[in-house]
Structures are given as C-alpha cells and as structure tokens.
PDB file of N, CA and C in Angstrom:
ATOM      1  N   MET A   1       1.015  -1.054  -0.274  1.00  0.00           N
ATOM      2  CA  MET A   1      -0.183  -0.452  -0.059  1.00  0.00           C
ATOM      3  C   MET A   1       0.662   1.175  -0.118  1.00  0.00           C
ATOM      4  N   ILE A   2       0.390   2.156  -0.772  1.00  0.00           N
ATOM      5  CA  ILE A   2       0.776   3.395  -0.646  1.00  0.00           C
ATOM      6  C   ILE A   2       0.540   3.822   0.746  1.00  0.00           C
ATOM      7  N   ILE A   3       1.405   4.641   1.090  1.00  0.00           N
ATOM      8  CA  ILE A   3       1.089   6.072   2.269  1.00  0.00           C
ATOM      9  C   ILE A   3       1.494   7.234   1.783  1.00  0.00           C
ATOM     10  N   LYS A   4       0.941   8.511   2.080  1.00  0.00           N
ATOM     11  CA  LYS A   4       1.644   9.404   1.951  1.00  0.00           C
ATOM     12  C   LYS A   4       1.306   9.973   3.090  1.00  0.00           C
ATOM     13  N   LYS A   5       2.068  10.542   4.231  1.00  0.00           N
ATOM     14  CA  LYS A   5       2.397  11.569   5.242  1.00  0.00           C
ATOM     15  C   LYS A   5       2.482  13.020   5.231  1.00  0.00           C
ATOM     16  N   GLN A   6       1.631  13.803   5.838  1.00  0.00           N
ATOM     17  CA  GLN A   6       1.456  15.022   6.772  1.00  0.00           C
ATOM     18  C   GLN A   6       1.198  15.571   7.820  1.00  0.00           C
ATOM     19  N   ILE A   7       2.071  16.520   8.192  1.00  0.00           N
ATOM     20  CA  ILE A   7       1.874  17.269   9.882  1.00  0.00           C
ATOM     21  C   ILE A   7       1.432  18.518   9.281  1.00  0.00           C
ATOM     22  N   VAL A   8      -0.084  18.402  10.014  1.00  0.00           N
ATOM     23  CA  VAL A   8      -0.763  19.786   9.967  1.00  0.00           C
ATOM     24  C   VAL A   8      -0.714  20.295  11.799  1.00  0.00           C
ATOM     25  N   ASN A   9      -0.574  21.234  11.619  1.00  0.00           N
ATOM     26  CA  ASN A   9      -0.979  21.652  13.193  1.00  0.00           C
ATOM     27  C   ASN A   9      -0.545  21.108  14.372  1.00  0.00           C
ATOM     28  N   HIS A  10       0.561  20.109  14.141  1.00  0.00           N
ATOM     29  CA  HIS A  10       0.903  18.984  14.902  1.00  0.00           C
ATOM     30  C   HIS A  10       0.215  17.768  15.305  1.00  0.00           C
ATOM     31  N   GLN A  11      -0.295  17.757  13.549  1.00  0.00           N
ATOM     32  CA  GLN A  11      -1.157  16.215  13.756  1.00  0.00           C
ATOM     33  C   GLN A  11      -0.981  15.324  12.736  1.00  0.00           C
ATOM     34  N   LEU A  12      -1.017  14.228  12.762  1.00  0.00           N
ATOM     35  CA  LEU A  12      -0.223  13.433  11.604  1.00  0.00           C
ATOM     36  C   LEU A  12      -1.561  12.634  10.913  1.00  0.00           C
ATOM     37  N   ILE A  13      -1.070  12.980   9.439  1.00  0.00           N
ATOM     38  CA  ILE A  13      -2.485  13.308   8.673  1.00  0.00           C
ATOM     39  C   ILE A  13      -1.936  12.399   7.229  1.00  0.00           C
ATOM     40  N   LEU A  14      -2.609  10.735   7.221  1.00  0.00           N
ATOM     41  CA  LEU A  14      -2.341   9.621   6.523  1.00  0.00           C
ATOM     42  C   LEU A  14      -3.182   9.422   5.271  1.00  0.00           C
ATOM     43  N   ALA A  15      -2.477   9.444   4.218  1.00  0.00           N
ATOM     44  CA  ALA A  15      -3.221   9.130   2.556  1.00  0.00           C
ATOM     45  C   ALA A  15      -2.963   7.815   2.994  1.00  0.00           C
ATOM     46  N   ILE A  16      -3.783   6.881   2.516  1.00  0.00           N
ATOM     47  CA  ILE A  16      -4.031   5.620   2.458  1.00  0.00           C
ATOM     48  C   ILE A  16      -4.185   5.133   1.494  1.00  0.00           C
ATOM     49  N   SER A  17      -3.415   4.441   0.087  1.00  0.00           N
ATOM     50  CA  SER A  17      -4.032   3.935  -1.417  1.00  0.00           C
ATOM     51  C   SER A  17      -3.640   2.187  -1.534  1.00  0.00           C
ATOM     52  N   ASP A  18      -4.288   2.043  -2.101  1.00  0.00           N
ATOM     53  CA  ASP A  18      -3.785   0.598  -3.266  1.00  0.00           C
ATOM     54  C   ASP A  18      -2.698   0.688  -4.025  1.00  0.00           C
ATOM     55  N   ASP A  19      -1.511  -0.138  -4.568  1.00  0.00           N
ATOM     56  CA  ASP A  19      -0.314   0.509  -5.220  1.00  0.00           C
ATOM     57  C   ASP A  19      -1.431   1.137  -6.550  1.00  0.00           C
ATOM     58  N   ASP A  20      -2.241   0.831  -7.301  1.00  0.00           N
ATOM     59  CA  ASP A  20      -2.343   0.516  -8.602  1.00  0.00           C
ATOM     60  C   ASP A  20      -3.257   1.763  -8.867  1.00  0.00           C
ATOM     61  N   LEU A  21      -3.588   2.547  -7.987  1.00  0.00           N
ATOM     62  CA  LEU A  21      -4.661   3.736  -8.521  1.00  0.00           C
ATOM     63  C   LEU A  21      -3.566   5.489  -8.110  1.00  0.00           C
ATOM     64  N   ILE A  22      -2.342   5.293  -7.602  1.00  0.00           N
ATOM     65  CA  ILE A  22      -1.848   6.377  -7.651  1.00  0.00           C
ATOM     66  C   ILE A  22      -0.998   6.870  -9.117  1.00  0.00           C
ATOM     67  N   GLY A  23      -1.881   8.309  -9.087  1.00  0.00           N
ATOM     68  CA  GLY A  23      -1.733   8.710 -10.484  1.00  0.00           C
ATOM     69  C   GLY A  23      -3.209   9.083 -11.663  1.00  0.00           C
ATOM     70  N   LYS A  24      -4.085   8.195 -10.646  1.00  0.00           N
ATOM     71  CA  LYS A  24      -5.180   8.362 -11.762  1.00  0.00           C
ATOM     72  C   LYS A  24      -6.492   9.134 -11.121  1.00  0.00           C
ATOM     73  N   LYS A  25      -7.399   9.529 -11.801  1.00  0.00           N
ATOM     74  CA  LYS A  25      -8.359  10.402 -11.351  1.00  0.00           C
ATOM     75  C   LYS A  25      -9.807  10.044 -11.583  1.00  0.00           C
ATOM     76  N   PHE A  26     -10.677  10.053 -10.465  1.00  0.00           N
ATOM     77  CA  PHE A  26     -11.652   9.609 -11.118  1.00  0.00           C
ATOM     78  C   PHE A  26     -12.956  10.669 -10.654  1.00  0.00           C
ATOM     79  N   GLU A  27     -14.217  10.911 -11.333  1.00  0.00           N
ATOM     80  CA  GLU A  27     -15.339  11.580 -11.152  1.00  0.00           C
ATOM     81  C   GLU A  27     -16.625  10.724 -11.546  1.00  0.00           C
ATOM     82  N   GLU A  28     -17.219  11.401 -10.764  1.00  0.00           N
ATOM     83  CA  GLU A  28     -18.608  10.793 -11.072  1.00  0.00           C
ATOM     84  C   GLU A  28     -19.786  11.726 -10.183  1.00  0.00           C
ATOM     85  N   ASN A  29     -20.651  12.565 -11.144  1.00  0.00           N
ATOM     86  CA  ASN A  29     -21.375  13.374 -10.878  1.00  0.00           C
ATOM     87  C   ASN A  29     -20.663  14.696  -9.742  1.00  0.00           C
ATOM     88  N   ASP A  30     -21.228  14.945  -8.196  1.00  0.00           N
ATOM     89  CA  ASP A  30     -20.539  16.013  -8.279  1.00  0.00           C
ATOM     90  C   ASP A  30     -19.319  15.811  -7.439  1.00  0.00           C
ATOM     91  N   LEU A  31     -18.435  14.207  -7.188  1.00  0.00           N
ATOM     92  CA  LEU A  31     -17.910  13.564  -6.740  1.00  0.00           C
ATOM     93  C   LEU A  31     -16.458  13.701  -7.263  1.00  0.00           C
ATOM     94  N   GLN A  32     -15.334  13.359  -6.302  1.00  0.00           N
ATOM     95  CA  GLN A  32     -14.064  13.826  -7.381  1.00  0.00           C
ATOM     96  C   GLN A  32     -13.315  13.212  -6.200  1.00  0.00           C
ATOM     97  N   LEU A  33     -12.398  11.817  -6.643  1.00  0.00           N
ATOM     98  CA  LEU A  33     -11.273  11.221  -6.207  1.00  0.00           C
ATOM     99  C   LEU A  33     -10.128  11.249  -6.557  1.00  0.00           C
ATOM    100  N   ASP A  34      -8.943  12.747  -6.837  1.00  0.00           N
ATOM    101  CA  ASP A  34      -7.898  13.172  -7.424  1.00  0.00           C
ATOM    102  C   ASP A  34      -6.735  12.256  -6.840  1.00  0.00           C
ATOM    103  N   LEU A  35      -5.954  11.057  -6.938  1.00  0.00           N
ATOM    104  CA  LEU A  35      -5.059  10.152  -6.749  1.00  0.00           C
ATOM    105  C   LEU A  35      -3.741  11.019  -7.378  1.00  0.00           C
ATOM    106  N   SER A  36      -4.316  11.431  -8.193  1.00  0.00           N
ATOM    107  CA  SER A  36      -3.016  12.249  -9.114  1.00  0.00           C
ATOM    108  C   SER A  36      -2.493  13.030  -8.240  1.00  0.00           C
ATOM    109  N   SER A  37      -2.747  13.922  -7.576  1.00  0.00           N
ATOM    110  CA  SER A  37      -2.818  15.037  -6.896  1.00  0.00           C
ATOM    111  C   SER A  37      -1.081  14.707  -5.871  1.00  0.00           C
ATOM    112  N   SER A  38      -0.498  15.992  -5.346  1.00  0.00           N
ATOM    113  CA  SER A  38       0.327  15.043  -4.370  1.00  0.00           C
ATOM    114  C   SER A  38       0.321  14.595  -3.172  1.00  0.00           C
ATOM    115  N   PHE A  39      -1.323  15.107  -2.760  1.00  0.00           N
ATOM    116  CA  PHE A  39      -1.604  14.507  -1.355  1.00  0.00           C
ATOM    117  C   PHE A  39      -1.422  12.967  -1.326  1.00  0.00           C
ATOM    118  N   TYR A  40      -1.392  12.416  -2.058  1.00  0.00           N
ATOM    119  CA  TYR A  40      -1.524  10.806  -2.385  1.00  0.00           C
ATOM    120  C   TYR A  40      -0.246   9.838  -2.479  1.00  0.00           C
ATOM    121  N   ARG A  41       0.627  10.800  -3.224  1.00  0.00           N
ATOM    122  CA  ARG A  41       2.209  10.544  -3.974  1.00  0.00           C
ATOM    123  C   ARG A  41       3.070  10.148  -2.781  1.00  0.00           C
ATOM    124  N   GLY A  42       2.784   8.830  -2.180  1.00  0.00           N
ATOM    125  CA  GLY A  42       3.559   8.396  -0.610  1.00  0.00           C
ATOM    126  C   GLY A  42       4.779   7.549  -1.181  1.00  0.00           C
ATOM    127  N   SER A  43       4.837   6.770   0.131  1.00  0.00           N
ATOM    128  CA  SER A  43       5.604   5.793  -0.752  1.00  0.00           C
ATOM    129  C   SER A  43       5.068   4.256  -0.040  1.00  0.00           C
ATOM    130  N   SER A  44       5.879   3.486  -0.407  1.00  0.00           N
ATOM    131  CA  SER A  44       5.547   2.357  -0.405  1.00  0.00           C
ATOM    132  C   SER A  44       5.384   1.402   1.206  1.00  0.00           C
ATOM    133  N   TYR A  45       4.364   0.578   1.449  1.00  0.00           N
ATOM    134  CA  TYR A  45       4.552   0.495   3.214  1.00  0.00           C
ATOM    135  C   TYR A  45       3.913  -0.732   3.643  1.00  0.00           C
ATOM    136  N   ASP A  46       4.461  -1.725   4.483  1.00  0.00           N
ATOM    137  CA  ASP A  46       4.495  -2.973   4.088  1.00  0.00           C
ATOM    138  C   ASP A  46       3.145  -2.887   5.517  1.00  0.00           C
ATOM    139  N   GLU A  47       2.513  -3.824   5.829  1.00  0.00           N
ATOM    140  CA  GLU A  47       0.995  -4.026   6.462  1.00  0.00           C
ATOM    141  C   GLU A  47       1.849  -3.278   8.298  1.00  0.00           C
ATOM    142  N   GLY A  48       2.954  -4.006   8.496  1.00  0.00           N
ATOM    143  CA  GLY A  48       3.426  -3.314   9.979  1.00  0.00           C
ATOM    144  C   GLY A  48       3.794  -2.174  10.201  1.00  0.00           C
ATOM    145  N   SER A  49       4.177  -1.745   8.956  1.00  0.00           N
ATOM    146  CA  SER A  49       4.641  -0.432   8.850  1.00  0.00           C
ATOM    147  C   SER A  49       3.769   0.182   8.987  1.00  0.00           C
ATOM    148  N   ALA A  50       2.844  -0.138   8.112  1.00  0.00           N
ATOM    149  CA  ALA A  50       1.546   1.186   8.282  1.00  0.00           C
ATOM    150  C   ALA A  50       1.155   1.028   9.495  1.00  0.00           C
ATOM    151  N   LYS A  51       0.771  -0.146  10.202  1.00  0.00           N
ATOM    152  CA  LYS A  51       0.543  -0.487  11.166  1.00  0.00           C
ATOM    153  C   LYS A  51       0.309   0.495  12.116  1.00  0.00           C
ATOM    154  N   VAL A  52       2.069   0.638  12.529  1.00  0.00           N
ATOM    155  CA  VAL A  52       2.702   1.848  13.726  1.00  0.00           C
ATOM    156  C   VAL A  52       2.585   3.305  12.866  1.00  0.00           C
ATOM    157  N   LEU A  53       2.284   3.819  11.868  1.00  0.00           N
ATOM    158  CA  LEU A  53       2.047   5.039  11.311  1.00  0.00           C
ATOM    159  C   LEU A  53       0.438   5.151  11.939  1.00  0.00           C
ATOM    160  N   THR A  54      -0.579   4.457  11.684  1.00  0.00           N
ATOM    161  CA  THR A  54      -1.667   3.948  11.884  1.00  0.00           C
ATOM    162  C   THR A  54      -2.393   4.938  13.619  1.00  0.00           C
ATOM    163  N   ALA A  55      -1.008   4.252  14.076  1.00  0.00           N
ATOM    164  CA  ALA A  55      -1.295   4.209  15.453  1.00  0.00           C
ATOM    165  C   ALA A  55      -1.362   5.688  16.246  1.00  0.00           C
ATOM    166  N   LYS A  56      -0.153   6.347  14.992  1.00  0.00           N
ATOM    167  CA  LYS A  56       0.309   7.847  15.664  1.00  0.00           C
ATOM    168  C   LYS A  56      -1.190   8.861  14.675  1.00  0.00           C
ATOM    169  N   ALA A  57      -1.963   8.380  13.868  1.00  0.00           N
ATOM    170  CA  ALA A  57      -2.515   9.238  13.163  1.00  0.00           C
ATOM    171  C   ALA A  57      -3.657   9.659  13.595  1.00  0.00           C
ATOM    172  N   SER A  58      -4.070  11.146  13.498  1.00  0.00           N
ATOM    173  CA  SER A  58      -5.200  11.748  13.894  1.00  0.00           C
ATOM    174  C   SER A  58      -6.241  11.916  13.098  1.00  0.00           C
ATOM    175  N   MET A  59      -6.535  12.028  11.394  1.00  0.00           N
ATOM    176  CA  MET A  59      -6.625  11.161  10.486  1.00  0.00           C
ATOM    177  C   MET A  59      -6.180  10.733   9.386  1.00  0.00           C
ATOM    178  N   ILE A  60      -7.173   9.788   8.879  1.00  0.00           N
ATOM    179  CA  ILE A  60      -6.731   8.973   7.904  1.00  0.00           C
ATOM    180  C   ILE A  60      -7.724   8.751   6.598  1.00  0.00           C
ATOM    181  N   ASN A  61      -7.290   9.340   5.368  1.00  0.00           N
ATOM    182  CA  ASN A  61      -8.120   9.296   4.622  1.00  0.00           C
ATOM    183  C   ASN A  61      -7.713   7.469   3.587  1.00  0.00           C
ATOM    184  N   VAL A  62      -8.871   6.799   2.715  1.00  0.00           N
ATOM    185  CA  VAL A  62      -8.282   5.490   2.873  1.00  0.00           C
ATOM    186  C   VAL A  62      -9.081   5.425   1.324  1.00  0.00           C
ATOM    187  N   VAL A  63      -8.572   4.646   0.499  1.00  0.00           N
ATOM    188  CA  VAL A  63      -9.160   4.473  -0.867  1.00  0.00           C
ATOM    189  C   VAL A  63      -8.734   3.128  -1.575  1.00  0.00           C
ATOM    190  N   ARG A  64      -9.699   2.296  -1.852  1.00  0.00           N
ATOM    191  CA  ARG A  64      -9.968   1.426  -2.308  1.00  0.00           C
ATOM    192  C   ARG A  64      -9.552   0.235  -1.082  1.00  0.00           C
ATOM    193  N   LYS A  65     -10.423  -0.905  -1.925  1.00  0.00           N
ATOM    194  CA  LYS A  65     -11.015  -2.282  -0.731  1.00  0.00           C
ATOM    195  C   LYS A  65      -9.947  -2.670   0.135  1.00  0.00           C
ATOM    196  N   LYS A  66      -8.568  -2.960  -0.924  1.00  0.00           N
ATOM    197  CA  LYS A  66      -7.660  -3.442   0.053  1.00  0.00           C
ATOM    198  C   LYS A  66      -7.219  -2.398   1.297  1.00  0.00           C
ATOM    199  N   SER A  67      -7.432  -1.797   0.858  1.00  0.00           N
ATOM    200  CA  SER A  67      -6.578  -0.068   2.342  1.00  0.00           C
ATOM    201  C   SER A  67      -7.799  -0.071   3.415  1.00  0.00           C
ATOM    202  N   ILE A  68      -8.950   0.269   2.712  1.00  0.00           N
ATOM    203  CA  ILE A  68      -9.726  -0.226   3.916  1.00  0.00           C
ATOM    204  C   ILE A  68      -9.926  -0.985   4.574  1.00  0.00           C
ATOM    205  N   THR A  69      -9.958  -2.535   3.891  1.00  0.00           N
ATOM    206  CA  THR A  69      -9.778  -3.743   4.506  1.00  0.00           C
ATOM    207  C   THR A  69      -9.017  -3.744   5.804  1.00  0.00           C
ATOM    208  N   PHE A  70      -7.818  -2.978   5.506  1.00  0.00           N
ATOM    209  CA  PHE A  70      -6.304  -3.277   6.339  1.00  0.00           C
ATOM    210  C   PHE A  70      -6.814  -2.413   7.734  1.00  0.00           C
ATOM    211  N   CYS A  71      -7.919  -0.985   7.648  1.00  0.00           N
ATOM    212  CA  CYS A  71      -7.899   0.022   8.257  1.00  0.00           C
ATOM    213  C   CYS A  71      -8.703  -0.599   9.049  1.00  0.00           C
ATOM    214  N   SER A  72      -9.654  -1.449   8.858  1.00  0.00           N
ATOM    215  CA  SER A  72     -10.818  -2.291   9.075  1.00  0.00           C
ATOM    216  C   SER A  72     -10.592  -3.160   9.745  1.00  0.00           C
ATOM    217  N   SER A  73      -9.396  -3.440  10.082  1.00  0.00           N
ATOM    218  CA  SER A  73      -8.612  -4.770  10.376  1.00  0.00           C
ATOM    219  C   SER A  73      -7.980  -4.354  11.592  1.00  0.00           C
ATOM    220  N   LEU A  74      -7.608  -3.223  11.966  1.00  0.00           N
ATOM    221  CA  LEU A  74      -7.134  -2.314  13.326  1.00  0.00           C
ATOM    222  C   LEU A  74      -8.219  -1.593  14.192  1.00  0.00           C
ATOM    223  N   GLY A  75      -9.531  -2.229  13.362  1.00  0.00           N
ATOM    224  CA  GLY A  75     -10.898  -1.530  14.452  1.00  0.00           C
ATOM    225  C   GLY A  75     -10.871   0.231  13.923  1.00  0.00           C
ATOM    226  N   LEU A  76     -10.083   1.023  13.164  1.00  0.00           N
ATOM    227  CA  LEU A  76     -10.486   2.006  12.764  1.00  0.00           C
ATOM    228  C   LEU A  76     -11.956   2.840  11.959  1.00  0.00           C
ATOM    229  N   ILE A  77     -12.520   1.316  11.224  1.00  0.00           N
ATOM    230  CA  ILE A  77     -13.341   1.837  10.951  1.00  0.00           C
ATOM    231  C   ILE A  77     -14.952   1.084  11.606  1.00  0.00           C
ATOM    232  N   GLU A  78     -15.252   1.884  12.174  1.00  0.00           N
ATOM    233  CA  GLU A  78     -16.651   1.079  12.549  1.00  0.00           C
ATOM    234  C   GLU A  78     -17.696   2.394  12.155  1.00  0.00           C
ATOM    235  N   GLY A  79     -18.490   1.361  11.766  1.00  0.00           N
ATOM    236  CA  GLY A  79     -20.009   2.095  11.204  1.00  0.00           C
ATOM    237  C   GLY A  79     -19.376   3.871   9.939  1.00  0.00           C
ATOM    238  N   GLY A  80     -18.328   3.926  10.119  1.00  0.00           N
ATOM    239  CA  GLY A  80     -17.906   4.778   9.170  1.00  0.00           C
ATOM    240  C   GLY A  80     -18.653   4.775   8.168  1.00  0.00           C
ATOM    241  N   ARG A  81     -19.257   5.822   6.982  1.00  0.00           N
ATOM    242  CA  ARG A  81     -19.436   6.030   5.865  1.00  0.00           C
ATOM    243  C   ARG A  81     -18.429   6.026   4.856  1.00  0.00           C
ATOM    244  N   VAL A  82     -18.633   4.734   3.901  1.00  0.00           N
ATOM    245  CA  VAL A  82     -17.492   4.382   2.884  1.00  0.00           C
ATOM    246  C   VAL A  82     -18.585   4.981   1.224  1.00  0.00           C
ATOM    247  N   ILE A  83     -17.798   6.131   0.876  1.00  0.00           N
ATOM    248  CA  ILE A  83     -18.943   6.802  -0.334  1.00  0.00           C
ATOM    249  C   ILE A  83     -17.760   5.810  -1.596  1.00  0.00           C
ATOM    250  N   VAL A  84     -18.541   5.888  -2.236  1.00  0.00           N
ATOM    251  CA  VAL A  84     -18.134   4.699  -3.994  1.00  0.00           C
ATOM    252  C   VAL A  84     -18.077   6.218  -5.024  1.00  0.00           C
ATOM    253  N   ILE A  85     -16.851   6.423  -5.467  1.00  0.00           N
ATOM    254  CA  ILE A  85     -16.360   7.302  -6.674  1.00  0.00           C
ATOM    255  C   ILE A  85     -16.268   6.117  -8.183  1.00  0.00           C
ATOM    256  N   LYS A  86     -17.017   6.216  -9.085  1.00  0.00           N
ATOM    257  CA  LYS A  86     -16.666   5.746 -10.205  1.00  0.00           C
ATOM    258  C   LYS A  86     -16.466   3.876 -10.113  1.00  0.00           C
ATOM    259  N   GLY A  87     -16.687   3.370  -8.903  1.00  0.00           N
ATOM    260  CA  GLY A  87     -16.363   2.021  -8.153  1.00  0.00           C
ATOM    261  C   GLY A  87     -15.484   2.060  -7.126  1.00  0.00           C
ATOM    262  N   ILE A  88     -14.791   3.295  -6.685  1.00  0.00           N
ATOM    263  CA  ILE A  88     -13.447   3.065  -6.121  1.00  0.00           C
ATOM    264  C   ILE A  88     -13.877   3.478  -4.345  1.00  0.00           C
ATOM    265  N   PRO A  89     -14.160   2.691  -3.500  1.00  0.00           N
ATOM    266  CA  PRO A  89     -14.211   2.881  -2.427  1.00  0.00           C
ATOM    267  C   PRO A  89     -13.514   4.207  -1.761  1.00  0.00           C
ATOM    268  N   HIS A  90     -13.946   4.892  -0.771  1.00  0.00           N
ATOM    269  CA  HIS A  90     -13.345   5.777  -0.267  1.00  0.00           C
ATOM    270  C   HIS A  90     -13.603   5.847   1.321  1.00  0.00           C
ATOM    271  N   ILE A  91     -12.965   6.136   2.306  1.00  0.00           N
ATOM    272  CA  ILE A  91     -13.131   6.593   3.887  1.00  0.00           C
ATOM    273  C   ILE A  91     -12.581   7.884   4.092  1.00  0.00           C
ATOM    274  N   GLN A  92     -13.204   8.316   5.077  1.00  0.00           N
ATOM    275  CA  GLN A  92     -12.321   9.215   5.680  1.00  0.00           C
ATOM    276  C   GLN A  92     -12.446   9.140   7.135  1.00  0.00           C
ATOM    277  N   ILE A  93     -11.757   9.059   8.082  1.00  0.00           N
ATOM    278  CA  ILE A  93     -11.580   8.448   9.379  1.00  0.00           C
ATOM    279  C   ILE A  93     -10.811   9.582  10.132  1.00  0.00           C
ATOM    280  N   LEU A  94     -11.688   9.937  11.301  1.00  0.00           N
ATOM    281  CA  LEU A  94     -10.952  10.776  12.238  1.00  0.00           C
ATOM    282  C   LEU A  94     -10.709   9.618  13.417  1.00  0.00           C
ATOM    283  N   VAL A  95      -9.286   9.720  13.947  1.00  0.00           N
ATOM    284  CA  VAL A  95      -9.292   8.630  15.251  1.00  0.00           C
ATOM    285  C   VAL A  95      -9.263   9.348  16.293  1.00  0.00           C
ATOM    286  N   GLN A  96     -10.593   9.066  17.406  1.00  0.00           N
ATOM    287  CA  GLN A  96     -10.728   9.295  18.437  1.00  0.00           C
ATOM    288  C   GLN A  96      -9.396   8.625  19.459  1.00  0.00           C
ATOM    289  N   ARG A  97      -9.050   8.916  20.334  1.00  0.00           N
ATOM    290  CA  ARG A  97      -8.314   8.687  21.031  1.00  0.00           C
ATOM    291  C   ARG A  97      -8.566   9.237  22.663  1.00  0.00           C
TER     292      ARG A  97
END
C-alpha cells in the first residue's frame, strides 16, 4: 500500500491507497477522487510499518478495498460511511483517542 504522511498543526494525517491507483483521477456526478495530486503520492509500506503509522495518526484518508480492509482490521472503521466514486471506495477516518 502507498501512504503519504503529512503534518498539519502538529497532527499526523495519512493518505492510504492501494498501489495501482496512484496517478489516477475518478469523477462521478459532483464527487471527485484525485489520486494524481501530491496528497496521495507517498511511499510503499508493508502492513507492519503501516500499522505503526496509523497508531499515531489523527486523520486517515483511505482509498480502495485492500486499504480499507486493512484499516478495518485495526478497528479504525466502525460504522463509518464509505463513499464510492466510479467503483472506488473511499473513507475518511477521524481517529478518536
């Protein structure tokens, strides 16, 4: 999976996506998912390293089934609302600690 780390106001924000979507853009009606932007251009991480990062994050943007399943297995997605744009699932997680 690809993870882009950003620090905003001393808070860690992550963008997590399956590898094959980076550089692509999806639009449907008034919704847009732009993985060609620098927001999603990160580095490749294995699940162990990704788990360490998600434990420190305040907000996580997650795109596609594999990445969403990974975050769900960590208990980060509980009753969240997944939106689907052109068949690509996306969810934003605000981590409560």
